[in-house]
Amino acid sequence: MTALEKYYGKFDEEPRLLTRHGQVEFITSMKYIHDSISSLNKEKSEVKILDIGAGTGRYSVALQEEGFDVTAVELVKSNLEKLRKKHTMVKTWQGNATDLHFLPDEKFDIVLLFGPLYHLHDEESRLKALSEAKRVMKKDARLLVAYITNEYSVLTYCFKEGHIGECMRNGTLTSDFHGIFGENDLYSYVRLEDINALNEKAGLLREKIIAADGAADYMRRELAAMSEEDFKYFVDYHLATCERAELLGASAHLVDILKKGD
């Protein structure tokens, strides 16, 4: 069993997306998935969605229940078993984002890559995942890719949780505070220039990039204590500002919305 499988055998992503800060991420991501679907000008029954790194199916099941044709790919067996126990019409595969040989070329209208890039540390693996996603996209399809930002990790783990000295001494941060990650690390974190370089090499063109959760992860206690009315205002505020360039870097999660470049 890999470290990733052991981790997700204990950690269930779905409850996180039901917390107040997780709801911000889920609501925002779903909005932009729907916006991407609308841009296709297709009937709902015609839209084929692929969820790579589907976890326990938080997005897959919700989209399938809306009437879309959804296929889910998940590496971790325990996650896949939880998804399958929901008895939905989501088609499921156990597989790795870097090798989707079991799926045909140009099959899907919307491709979600919401987890795998968190856990791939080297450029070669990241490019394989992006290339496989690109291969299975139709010509007019949209690809939504999620990343965890470098500055979020530095602000929370290094400073808020008090690990900055340790990280600087053991060489896991560069002199300009960019994280250095190896194959034994569970997560990797990126800056905008890292994402831009990957897109250029993968031949993908950006439509827009959004802060999926903005300040929500820094405000867990405050969001949990808010009234329903105030929380709605916070969500409205976030949706009104999540494309603003000055807010992107500090968001915990970014979602890059892409189309084929050739």
C-alpha atoms as a PDB file:
ATOM      1  CA  MET A   1       0.000   0.000   0.000  1.00  0.00           C
ATOM      2  CA  THR A   2       1.390   3.412  -0.978  1.00  0.00           C
ATOM      3  CA  ALA A   3       1.586   6.388   1.366  1.00  0.00           C
ATOM      4  CA  LEU A   4      -1.233   7.977  -0.617  1.00  0.00           C
ATOM      5  CA  GLU A   5      -3.463   4.931  -0.167  1.00  0.00           C
ATOM      6  CA  LYS A   6      -2.697   4.798   3.557  1.00  0.00           C
ATOM      7  CA  TYR A   7      -3.528   8.493   3.910  1.00  0.00           C
ATOM      8  CA  TYR A   8      -6.860   8.319   2.090  1.00  0.00           C
ATOM      9  CA  GLY A   9      -7.676   5.098   3.867  1.00  0.00           C
ATOM     10  CA  LYS A  10      -7.862   7.230   7.017  1.00  0.00           C
ATOM     11  CA  PHE A  11      -8.874  10.620   5.594  1.00  0.00           C
ATOM     12  CA  ASP A  12     -12.263  11.002   3.905  1.00  0.00           C
ATOM     13  CA  GLU A  13     -12.314  14.059   1.632  1.00  0.00           C
ATOM     14  CA  GLU A  14     -16.096  14.233   1.456  1.00  0.00           C
ATOM     15  CA  PRO A  15     -16.788  15.468   5.021  1.00  0.00           C
ATOM     16  CA  ARG A  16     -14.232  18.264   4.465  1.00  0.00           C
ATOM     17  CA  LEU A  17     -16.347  19.586   1.601  1.00  0.00           C
ATOM     18  CA  LEU A  18     -19.374  19.647   3.910  1.00  0.00           C
ATOM     19  CA  THR A  19     -17.723  22.011   6.415  1.00  0.00           C
ATOM     20  CA  ARG A  20     -18.300  25.728   5.932  1.00  0.00           C
ATOM     21  CA  HIS A  21     -14.836  26.318   4.430  1.00  0.00           C
ATOM     22  CA  GLY A  22     -15.238  23.191   2.293  1.00  0.00           C
ATOM     23  CA  GLN A  23     -18.642  24.342   1.088  1.00  0.00           C
ATOM     24  CA  VAL A  24     -17.051  27.518  -0.270  1.00  0.00           C
ATOM     25  CA  GLU A  25     -14.681  25.408  -2.378  1.00  0.00           C
ATOM     26  CA  PHE A  26     -17.439  23.029  -3.516  1.00  0.00           C
ATOM     27  CA  ILE A  27     -19.953  25.769  -4.385  1.00  0.00           C
ATOM     28  CA  THR A  28     -17.304  27.721  -6.292  1.00  0.00           C
ATOM     29  CA  SER A  29     -16.000  24.712  -8.208  1.00  0.00           C
ATOM     30  CA  MET A  30     -19.530  23.609  -9.125  1.00  0.00           C
ATOM     31  CA  LYS A  31     -20.352  27.103 -10.392  1.00  0.00           C
ATOM     32  CA  TYR A  32     -17.413  27.057 -12.755  1.00  0.00           C
ATOM     33  CA  ILE A  33     -18.112  23.483 -13.843  1.00  0.00           C
ATOM     34  CA  HIS A  34     -21.616  24.592 -14.780  1.00  0.00           C
ATOM     35  CA  ASP A  35     -20.265  27.680 -16.536  1.00  0.00           C
ATOM     36  CA  SER A  36     -17.929  25.451 -18.556  1.00  0.00           C
ATOM     37  CA  ILE A  37     -20.797  23.142 -19.457  1.00  0.00           C
ATOM     38  CA  SER A  38     -22.917  26.102 -20.562  1.00  0.00           C
ATOM     39  CA  SER A  39     -20.143  27.290 -22.891  1.00  0.00           C
ATOM     40  CA  LEU A  40     -20.460  24.043 -24.867  1.00  0.00           C
ATOM     41  CA  ASN A  41     -24.035  24.790 -26.003  1.00  0.00           C
ATOM     42  CA  LYS A  42     -25.034  21.153 -25.721  1.00  0.00           C
ATOM     43  CA  GLU A  43     -28.047  19.378 -24.301  1.00  0.00           C
ATOM     44  CA  LYS A  44     -27.491  17.974 -20.814  1.00  0.00           C
ATOM     45  CA  SER A  45     -27.889  14.407 -22.053  1.00  0.00           C
ATOM     46  CA  GLU A  46     -25.068  14.960 -24.563  1.00  0.00           C
ATOM     47  CA  VAL A  47     -22.477  16.178 -22.053  1.00  0.00           C
ATOM     48  CA  LYS A  48     -19.928  13.570 -20.991  1.00  0.00           C
ATOM     49  CA  ILE A  49     -17.912  14.357 -17.847  1.00  0.00           C
ATOM     50  CA  LEU A  50     -14.742  12.658 -16.640  1.00  0.00           C
ATOM     51  CA  ASP A  51     -13.691  13.059 -12.993  1.00  0.00           C
ATOM     52  CA  ILE A  52     -10.037  12.011 -12.601  1.00  0.00           C
ATOM     53  CA  GLY A  53      -9.075  11.509  -8.982  1.00  0.00           C
ATOM     54  CA  ALA A  54     -12.731  11.382  -8.021  1.00  0.00           C
ATOM     55  CA  GLY A  55     -12.185  10.383  -4.399  1.00  0.00           C
ATOM     56  CA  THR A  56     -15.445   9.203  -2.874  1.00  0.00           C
ATOM     57  CA  GLY A  57     -17.446  10.937  -5.592  1.00  0.00           C
ATOM     58  CA  ARG A  58     -18.485  14.293  -4.127  1.00  0.00           C
ATOM     59  CA  TYR A  59     -18.433  15.921  -7.564  1.00  0.00           C
ATOM     60  CA  SER A  60     -19.137  12.819  -9.666  1.00  0.00           C
ATOM     61  CA  VAL A  61     -22.312  11.874  -7.836  1.00  0.00           C
ATOM     62  CA  ALA A  62     -23.652  15.441  -7.696  1.00  0.00           C
ATOM     63  CA  LEU A  63     -23.148  15.880 -11.446  1.00  0.00           C
ATOM     64  CA  GLN A  64     -24.597  12.482 -12.299  1.00  0.00           C
ATOM     65  CA  GLU A  65     -27.669  13.262 -10.191  1.00  0.00           C
ATOM     66  CA  GLU A  66     -28.135  16.396 -12.299  1.00  0.00           C
ATOM     67  CA  GLY A  67     -28.439  14.166 -15.342  1.00  0.00           C
ATOM     68  CA  PHE A  68     -24.952  14.258 -16.838  1.00  0.00           C
ATOM     69  CA  ASP A  69     -23.095  11.194 -18.151  1.00  0.00           C
ATOM     70  CA  VAL A  70     -20.250  10.870 -15.627  1.00  0.00           C
ATOM     71  CA  THR A  71     -17.204   8.620 -15.542  1.00  0.00           C
ATOM     72  CA  ALA A  72     -14.993   8.568 -12.445  1.00  0.00           C
ATOM     73  CA  VAL A  73     -11.377   7.405 -12.162  1.00  0.00           C
ATOM     74  CA  GLU A  74      -9.868   6.918  -8.710  1.00  0.00           C
ATOM     75  CA  LEU A  75      -6.518   5.459  -7.674  1.00  0.00           C
ATOM     76  CA  VAL A  76      -7.289   4.625  -4.035  1.00  0.00           C
ATOM     77  CA  LYS A  77      -9.329   1.435  -3.713  1.00  0.00           C
ATOM     78  CA  SER A  78     -11.010   2.405  -0.434  1.00  0.00           C
ATOM     79  CA  ASN A  79     -12.252   5.667  -1.973  1.00  0.00           C
ATOM     80  CA  LEU A  80     -13.560   3.813  -5.009  1.00  0.00           C
ATOM     81  CA  GLU A  81     -15.415   1.344  -2.820  1.00  0.00           C
ATOM     82  CA  LYS A  82     -17.159   4.202  -0.991  1.00  0.00           C
ATOM     83  CA  LEU A  83     -18.143   5.750  -4.312  1.00  0.00           C
ATOM     84  CA  ARG A  84     -19.517   2.470  -5.648  1.00  0.00           C
ATOM     85  CA  LYS A  85     -21.561   1.886  -2.479  1.00  0.00           C
ATOM     86  CA  LYS A  86     -23.567   4.997  -3.305  1.00  0.00           C
ATOM     87  CA  HIS A  87     -25.223   2.932  -6.074  1.00  0.00           C
ATOM     88  CA  THR A  88     -25.300   5.762  -8.579  1.00  0.00           C
ATOM     89  CA  MET A  89     -25.034   5.539 -12.363  1.00  0.00           C
ATOM     90  CA  VAL A  90     -21.498   6.941 -12.292  1.00  0.00           C
ATOM     91  CA  LYS A  91     -19.215   4.688 -14.344  1.00  0.00           C
ATOM     92  CA  THR A  92     -16.108   3.895 -12.306  1.00  0.00           C
ATOM     93  CA  TRP A  93     -12.534   2.820 -12.993  1.00  0.00           C
ATOM     94  CA  GLN A  94      -9.601   2.266 -10.696  1.00  0.00           C
ATOM     95  CA  GLY A  95      -6.685   3.983 -12.338  1.00  0.00           C
ATOM     96  CA  ASN A  96      -3.837   6.479 -12.251  1.00  0.00           C
ATOM     97  CA  ALA A  97      -4.145   9.991 -13.678  1.00  0.00           C
ATOM     98  CA  THR A  98      -0.856   9.542 -15.543  1.00  0.00           C
ATOM     99  CA  ASP A  99      -2.123   6.503 -17.484  1.00  0.00           C
ATOM    100  CA  LEU A 100      -5.713   6.476 -18.743  1.00  0.00           C
ATOM    101  CA  HIS A 101      -5.115   3.859 -21.442  1.00  0.00           C
ATOM    102  CA  PHE A 102      -8.530   2.314 -20.736  1.00  0.00           C
ATOM    103  CA  LEU A 103     -10.287   5.480 -21.954  1.00  0.00           C
ATOM    104  CA  PRO A 104     -10.529   6.423 -25.650  1.00  0.00           C
ATOM    105  CA  ASP A 105      -9.277   9.601 -27.312  1.00  0.00           C
ATOM    106  CA  GLU A 106     -11.561  12.661 -27.507  1.00  0.00           C
ATOM    107  CA  LYS A 107     -14.362  11.101 -25.476  1.00  0.00           C
ATOM    108  CA  PHE A 108     -15.271  13.794 -22.910  1.00  0.00           C
ATOM    109  CA  ASP A 109     -16.697  17.322 -22.937  1.00  0.00           C
ATOM    110  CA  ILE A 110     -15.657  18.240 -19.379  1.00  0.00           C
ATOM    111  CA  VAL A 111     -12.621  16.787 -17.601  1.00  0.00           C
ATOM    112  CA  LEU A 112     -11.983  17.394 -13.905  1.00  0.00           C
ATOM    113  CA  LEU A 113      -8.494  16.927 -12.486  1.00  0.00           C
ATOM    114  CA  PHE A 114      -9.245  17.973  -8.929  1.00  0.00           C
ATOM    115  CA  GLY A 115      -6.866  15.869  -6.867  1.00  0.00           C
ATOM    116  CA  PRO A 116      -3.983  14.260  -8.762  1.00  0.00           C
ATOM    117  CA  LEU A 117      -1.853  17.374  -9.217  1.00  0.00           C
ATOM    118  CA  TYR A 118      -1.763  17.773  -5.430  1.00  0.00           C
ATOM    119  CA  HIS A 119       0.246  14.562  -5.181  1.00  0.00           C
ATOM    120  CA  LEU A 120       2.498  14.593  -8.266  1.00  0.00           C
ATOM    121  CA  HIS A 121       5.799  16.249  -7.435  1.00  0.00           C
ATOM    122  CA  ASP A 122       7.907  16.149 -10.579  1.00  0.00           C
ATOM    123  CA  GLU A 123       7.247  17.927 -13.847  1.00  0.00           C
ATOM    124  CA  GLU A 124       7.271  14.711 -15.888  1.00  0.00           C
ATOM    125  CA  SER A 125       4.430  13.174 -13.868  1.00  0.00           C
ATOM    126  CA  ARG A 126       2.400  16.376 -13.902  1.00  0.00           C
ATOM    127  CA  LEU A 127       2.776  16.670 -17.661  1.00  0.00           C
ATOM    128  CA  LYS A 128       1.719  13.035 -18.098  1.00  0.00           C
ATOM    129  CA  ALA A 129      -1.460  13.712 -16.139  1.00  0.00           C
ATOM    130  CA  LEU A 130      -2.216  16.855 -18.142  1.00  0.00           C
ATOM    131  CA  SER A 131      -1.416  15.104 -21.423  1.00  0.00           C
ATOM    132  CA  GLU A 132      -3.701  12.182 -20.618  1.00  0.00           C
ATOM    133  CA  ALA A 133      -6.498  14.570 -19.665  1.00  0.00           C
ATOM    134  CA  LYS A 134      -5.924  16.468 -22.909  1.00  0.00           C
ATOM    135  CA  ARG A 135      -5.951  13.254 -24.942  1.00  0.00           C
ATOM    136  CA  VAL A 136      -9.403  12.198 -23.747  1.00  0.00           C
ATOM    137  CA  MET A 137     -10.910  15.685 -24.238  1.00  0.00           C
ATOM    138  CA  LYS A 138     -13.027  16.489 -27.254  1.00  0.00           C
ATOM    139  CA  LYS A 139     -11.802  19.375 -29.399  1.00  0.00           C
ATOM    140  CA  ASP A 140     -14.142  21.905 -27.799  1.00  0.00           C
ATOM    141  CA  ALA A 141     -13.895  20.431 -24.282  1.00  0.00           C
ATOM    142  CA  ARG A 142     -12.893  22.163 -21.060  1.00  0.00           C
ATOM    143  CA  LEU A 143     -10.376  20.898 -18.521  1.00  0.00           C
ATOM    144  CA  LEU A 144     -10.546  22.090 -14.899  1.00  0.00           C
ATOM    145  CA  VAL A 145      -7.353  21.470 -12.920  1.00  0.00           C
ATOM    146  CA  ALA A 146      -6.999  22.046  -9.170  1.00  0.00           C
ATOM    147  CA  TYR A 147      -3.774  22.970  -7.403  1.00  0.00           C
ATOM    148  CA  ILE A 148      -2.745  23.784  -3.821  1.00  0.00           C
ATOM    149  CA  THR A 149      -0.834  27.040  -3.622  1.00  0.00           C
ATOM    150  CA  ASN A 150       2.661  27.490  -2.279  1.00  0.00           C
ATOM    151  CA  GLU A 151       1.864  30.634  -0.286  1.00  0.00           C
ATOM    152  CA  TYR A 152      -1.038  28.961   1.503  1.00  0.00           C
ATOM    153  CA  SER A 153       1.277  26.182   2.674  1.00  0.00           C
ATOM    154  CA  VAL A 154       3.969  28.613   3.825  1.00  0.00           C
ATOM    155  CA  LEU A 155       1.515  30.846   5.686  1.00  0.00           C
ATOM    156  CA  THR A 156      -0.292  27.976   7.407  1.00  0.00           C
ATOM    157  CA  TYR A 157       2.229  25.187   7.998  1.00  0.00           C
ATOM    158  CA  CYS A 158       5.386  27.247   8.268  1.00  0.00           C
ATOM    159  CA  PHE A 159       4.204  30.353  10.109  1.00  0.00           C
ATOM    160  CA  LYS A 160       0.794  29.670  11.663  1.00  0.00           C
ATOM    161  CA  GLU A 161       1.785  26.196  12.866  1.00  0.00           C
ATOM    162  CA  GLY A 162       5.364  27.177  13.732  1.00  0.00           C
ATOM    163  CA  HIS A 163       7.486  25.051  11.388  1.00  0.00           C
ATOM    164  CA  ILE A 164       9.348  27.813   9.543  1.00  0.00           C
ATOM    165  CA  GLY A 165      12.721  27.315  11.271  1.00  0.00           C
ATOM    166  CA  GLU A 166      12.585  23.563  10.753  1.00  0.00           C
ATOM    167  CA  CYS A 167      11.738  23.964   7.043  1.00  0.00           C
ATOM    168  CA  MET A 168      14.510  26.477   6.426  1.00  0.00           C
ATOM    169  CA  ARG A 169      17.089  24.351   8.257  1.00  0.00           C
ATOM    170  CA  ASN A 170      16.206  21.087   6.498  1.00  0.00           C
ATOM    171  CA  GLY A 171      16.106  22.657   3.045  1.00  0.00           C
ATOM    172  CA  THR A 172      12.444  22.115   2.194  1.00  0.00           C
ATOM    173  CA  LEU A 173      12.106  25.811   1.321  1.00  0.00           C
ATOM    174  CA  THR A 174      14.176  27.796  -1.165  1.00  0.00           C
ATOM    175  CA  SER A 175      15.626  31.192  -0.282  1.00  0.00           C
ATOM    176  CA  ASP A 176      12.510  32.798  -1.789  1.00  0.00           C
ATOM    177  CA  PHE A 177      10.228  30.444   0.185  1.00  0.00           C
ATOM    178  CA  HIS A 178       9.152  28.062  -2.557  1.00  0.00           C
ATOM    179  CA  GLY A 179       8.557  24.547  -1.284  1.00  0.00           C
ATOM    180  CA  ILE A 180      10.800  21.694  -2.441  1.00  0.00           C
ATOM    181  CA  PHE A 181       9.041  18.334  -2.541  1.00  0.00           C
ATOM    182  CA  GLY A 182      10.161  14.765  -3.076  1.00  0.00           C
ATOM    183  CA  GLU A 183       8.528  11.448  -3.815  1.00  0.00           C
ATOM    184  CA  ASN A 184       8.012  10.725  -0.108  1.00  0.00           C
ATOM    185  CA  ASP A 185       5.971  13.895   0.426  1.00  0.00           C
ATOM    186  CA  LEU A 186       2.210  13.593   0.296  1.00  0.00           C
ATOM    187  CA  TYR A 187       1.466  17.023  -1.156  1.00  0.00           C
ATOM    188  CA  SER A 188       3.184  19.504  -3.420  1.00  0.00           C
ATOM    189  CA  TYR A 189       2.424  23.213  -3.704  1.00  0.00           C
ATOM    190  CA  VAL A 190       2.748  25.559  -6.661  1.00  0.00           C
ATOM    191  CA  ARG A 191       2.961  29.183  -7.693  1.00  0.00           C
ATOM    192  CA  LEU A 192       1.280  30.714 -10.726  1.00  0.00           C
ATOM    193  CA  GLU A 193       4.478  30.609 -12.748  1.00  0.00           C
ATOM    194  CA  ASP A 194       4.715  26.847 -12.152  1.00  0.00           C
ATOM    195  CA  ILE A 195       1.189  26.362 -13.501  1.00  0.00           C
ATOM    196  CA  ASN A 196       1.846  28.627 -16.479  1.00  0.00           C
ATOM    197  CA  ALA A 197       4.964  26.648 -17.417  1.00  0.00           C
ATOM    198  CA  LEU A 198       3.046  23.347 -17.265  1.00  0.00           C
ATOM    199  CA  ASN A 199       0.277  24.692 -19.486  1.00  0.00           C
ATOM    200  CA  GLU A 200       2.747  25.897 -22.091  1.00  0.00           C
ATOM    201  CA  LYS A 201       4.529  22.548 -22.236  1.00  0.00           C
ATOM    202  CA  ALA A 202       1.234  20.607 -22.286  1.00  0.00           C
ATOM    203  CA  GLY A 203      -0.233  22.739 -25.077  1.00  0.00           C
ATOM    204  CA  LEU A 204      -3.179  23.973 -23.024  1.00  0.00           C
ATOM    205  CA  LEU A 205      -4.725  27.446 -23.167  1.00  0.00           C
ATOM    206  CA  ARG A 206      -6.235  29.146 -20.152  1.00  0.00           C
ATOM    207  CA  GLU A 207      -9.740  30.566 -20.237  1.00  0.00           C
ATOM    208  CA  LYS A 208      -9.526  31.722 -16.625  1.00  0.00           C
ATOM    209  CA  ILE A 209      -8.053  30.771 -13.282  1.00  0.00           C
ATOM    210  CA  ILE A 210      -9.953  31.131 -10.020  1.00  0.00           C
ATOM    211  CA  ALA A 211      -9.379  31.055  -6.284  1.00  0.00           C
ATOM    212  CA  ALA A 212     -11.512  28.051  -5.393  1.00  0.00           C
ATOM    213  CA  ASP A 213     -11.775  28.921  -1.703  1.00  0.00           C
ATOM    214  CA  GLY A 214     -10.011  32.263  -1.279  1.00  0.00           C
ATOM    215  CA  ALA A 215      -9.722  33.213   2.388  1.00  0.00           C
ATOM    216  CA  ALA A 216     -12.105  30.476   3.589  1.00  0.00           C
ATOM    217  CA  ASP A 217      -9.446  28.073   4.841  1.00  0.00           C
ATOM    218  CA  TYR A 218      -7.873  30.803   6.979  1.00  0.00           C
ATOM    219  CA  MET A 219     -11.290  31.589   8.501  1.00  0.00           C
ATOM    220  CA  ARG A 220     -12.526  28.140   9.539  1.00  0.00           C
ATOM    221  CA  ARG A 221     -13.611  29.144  13.035  1.00  0.00           C
ATOM    222  CA  GLU A 222     -15.164  32.400  11.891  1.00  0.00           C
ATOM    223  CA  LEU A 223     -17.125  30.712   9.096  1.00  0.00           C
ATOM    224  CA  ALA A 224     -18.339  27.961  11.414  1.00  0.00           C
ATOM    225  CA  ALA A 225     -19.651  30.583  13.849  1.00  0.00           C
ATOM    226  CA  MET A 226     -21.465  32.674  11.230  1.00  0.00           C
ATOM    227  CA  SER A 227     -25.218  32.824  10.899  1.00  0.00           C
ATOM    228  CA  GLU A 228     -26.679  31.337   7.714  1.00  0.00           C
ATOM    229  CA  GLU A 229     -27.296  34.873   6.458  1.00  0.00           C
ATOM    230  CA  ASP A 230     -23.732  36.016   7.046  1.00  0.00           C
ATOM    231  CA  PHE A 231     -22.304  32.840   5.525  1.00  0.00           C
ATOM    232  CA  LYS A 232     -24.387  33.437   2.399  1.00  0.00           C
ATOM    233  CA  TYR A 233     -22.937  36.940   2.191  1.00  0.00           C
ATOM    234  CA  PHE A 234     -19.436  35.488   2.506  1.00  0.00           C
ATOM    235  CA  VAL A 235     -20.101  33.035  -0.340  1.00  0.00           C
ATOM    236  CA  ASP A 236     -21.513  35.871  -2.458  1.00  0.00           C
ATOM    237  CA  TYR A 237     -18.443  37.972  -1.685  1.00  0.00           C
ATOM    238  CA  HIS A 238     -16.123  35.121  -2.597  1.00  0.00           C
ATOM    239  CA  LEU A 239     -17.896  34.415  -5.895  1.00  0.00           C
ATOM    240  CA  ALA A 240     -17.719  38.112  -6.750  1.00  0.00           C
ATOM    241  CA  THR A 241     -13.954  38.259  -6.148  1.00  0.00           C
ATOM    242  CA  CYS A 242     -12.546  34.785  -6.850  1.00  0.00           C
ATOM    243  CA  GLU A 243     -11.218  35.756 -10.297  1.00  0.00           C
ATOM    244  CA  ARG A 244      -9.350  38.808  -9.007  1.00  0.00           C
ATOM    245  CA  ALA A 245      -5.634  38.424  -9.710  1.00  0.00           C
ATOM    246  CA  GLU A 246      -4.563  39.977  -6.416  1.00  0.00           C
ATOM    247  CA  LEU A 247      -6.396  37.275  -4.444  1.00  0.00           C
ATOM    248  CA  LEU A 248      -5.238  34.169  -6.297  1.00  0.00           C
ATOM    249  CA  GLY A 249      -1.899  33.408  -4.687  1.00  0.00           C
ATOM    250  CA  ALA A 250      -3.047  33.196  -1.072  1.00  0.00           C
ATOM    251  CA  SER A 251      -6.052  30.966  -1.777  1.00  0.00           C
ATOM    252  CA  ALA A 252      -5.614  27.403  -0.534  1.00  0.00           C
ATOM    253  CA  HIS A 253      -6.823  25.979  -3.850  1.00  0.00           C
ATOM    254  CA  LEU A 254      -6.754  27.277  -7.408  1.00  0.00           C
ATOM    255  CA  VAL A 255      -8.769  25.906 -10.312  1.00  0.00           C
ATOM    256  CA  ASP A 256      -7.321  26.464 -13.783  1.00  0.00           C
ATOM    257  CA  ILE A 257      -9.904  26.304 -16.592  1.00  0.00           C
ATOM    258  CA  LEU A 258      -8.328  25.248 -19.870  1.00  0.00           C
ATOM    259  CA  LYS A 259      -8.973  24.192 -23.444  1.00  0.00           C
ATOM    260  CA  LYS A 260      -6.837  22.510 -26.039  1.00  0.00           C
ATOM    261  CA  GLY A 261      -4.210  24.711 -27.577  1.00  0.00           C
ATOM    262  CA  ASP A 262      -3.917  22.883 -30.881  1.00  0.00           C
END
